[in-house]
Amino acid sequence: VDPYLHLVDDNRIEAFHIGSDSIKPAYGSKEDELAAVEALSSIEITNEQSKEHLASIVMQNLGNLPE
């Protein structure tokens, strides 16, 4: 559940601002984007999580598929 989104008329999702007194930046704002980049940049990927390793697992499993 995204605290910045809400359902409108059961057929679309809209972003909304919680309020000017909120400690969170507005969804989609420059501050929100910078916070997202900072959070994603702090994630450390191990060798077992690298793109190359995951691609090799996919390829191994594709080789095991019945024809």
Protein backbone atom coordinates (compact mmCIF):
# COMPACT_ATOMS: atom_id res chain seq x y z
CA VAL A 1 0.00 0.00 0.00
CA ASP A 2 1.36 3.37 -1.03
CA PRO A 3 0.53 6.14 1.46
CA TYR A 4 0.66 8.73 -1.34
CA LEU A 5 -1.94 7.08 -3.59
CA HIS A 6 -5.69 6.66 -3.25
CA LEU A 7 -8.43 5.11 -5.37
CA VAL A 8 -10.90 7.47 -7.04
CA ASP A 9 -14.31 6.26 -8.24
CA ASP A 10 -13.07 2.64 -8.13
CA ASN A 11 -11.35 3.07 -11.49
CA ARG A 12 -8.25 5.24 -11.17
CA ILE A 13 -5.45 6.00 -8.76
CA GLU A 14 -4.36 9.53 -7.87
CA ALA A 15 -1.39 10.85 -5.94
CA PHE A 16 -2.14 13.29 -3.17
CA HIS A 17 -0.20 15.47 -0.76
CA ILE A 18 -0.68 14.61 2.91
CA GLY A 19 -0.32 18.22 4.04
CA SER A 20 2.09 21.08 4.38
CA ASP A 21 2.84 20.14 7.98
CA SER A 22 3.85 16.62 6.94
CA ILE A 23 7.47 15.63 7.46
CA LYS A 24 7.39 13.62 4.22
CA PRO A 25 8.05 15.40 0.93
CA ALA A 26 5.18 15.53 -1.57
CA TYR A 27 4.95 12.51 -3.84
CA GLY A 28 6.88 13.11 -7.05
CA SER A 29 8.56 16.25 -5.73
CA LYS A 30 12.26 16.87 -6.21
CA GLU A 31 12.85 16.02 -2.55
CA ASP A 32 10.90 12.77 -2.92
CA GLU A 33 12.95 11.81 -5.98
CA LEU A 34 16.23 12.58 -4.20
CA ALA A 35 15.14 10.51 -1.20
CA ALA A 36 14.25 7.60 -3.50
CA VAL A 37 17.61 7.78 -5.28
CA GLU A 38 19.43 7.91 -1.94
CA ALA A 39 17.50 4.90 -0.61
CA LEU A 40 18.11 2.83 -3.74
CA SER A 41 21.77 3.82 -3.87
CA SER A 42 22.31 2.54 -0.34
CA ILE A 43 21.33 -1.02 -1.31
CA GLU A 44 24.36 -3.25 -1.58
CA ILE A 45 24.24 -6.07 -4.11
CA THR A 46 26.18 -9.24 -3.33
CA ASN A 47 27.75 -11.52 -5.93
CA GLU A 48 24.74 -13.84 -5.60
CA GLN A 49 22.43 -10.94 -6.51
CA SER A 50 24.37 -9.58 -9.48
CA LYS A 51 22.73 -9.33 -12.89
CA GLU A 52 25.20 -11.83 -14.30
CA HIS A 53 24.51 -14.39 -11.59
CA LEU A 54 20.74 -14.03 -11.89
CA ALA A 55 20.96 -14.26 -15.69
CA SER A 56 22.94 -17.49 -15.40
CA ILE A 57 20.28 -18.97 -13.10
CA VAL A 58 17.55 -18.06 -15.59
CA MET A 59 19.51 -19.62 -18.45
CA GLN A 60 20.13 -22.81 -16.45
CA ASN A 61 16.44 -23.12 -15.69
CA LEU A 62 15.46 -22.46 -19.30
CA GLY A 63 17.66 -25.39 -20.26
CA ASN A 64 15.66 -27.61 -17.90
CA LEU A 65 12.29 -26.87 -19.53
CA PRO A 66 10.59 -29.81 -21.28
CA GLU A 67 10.07 -29.34 -25.01
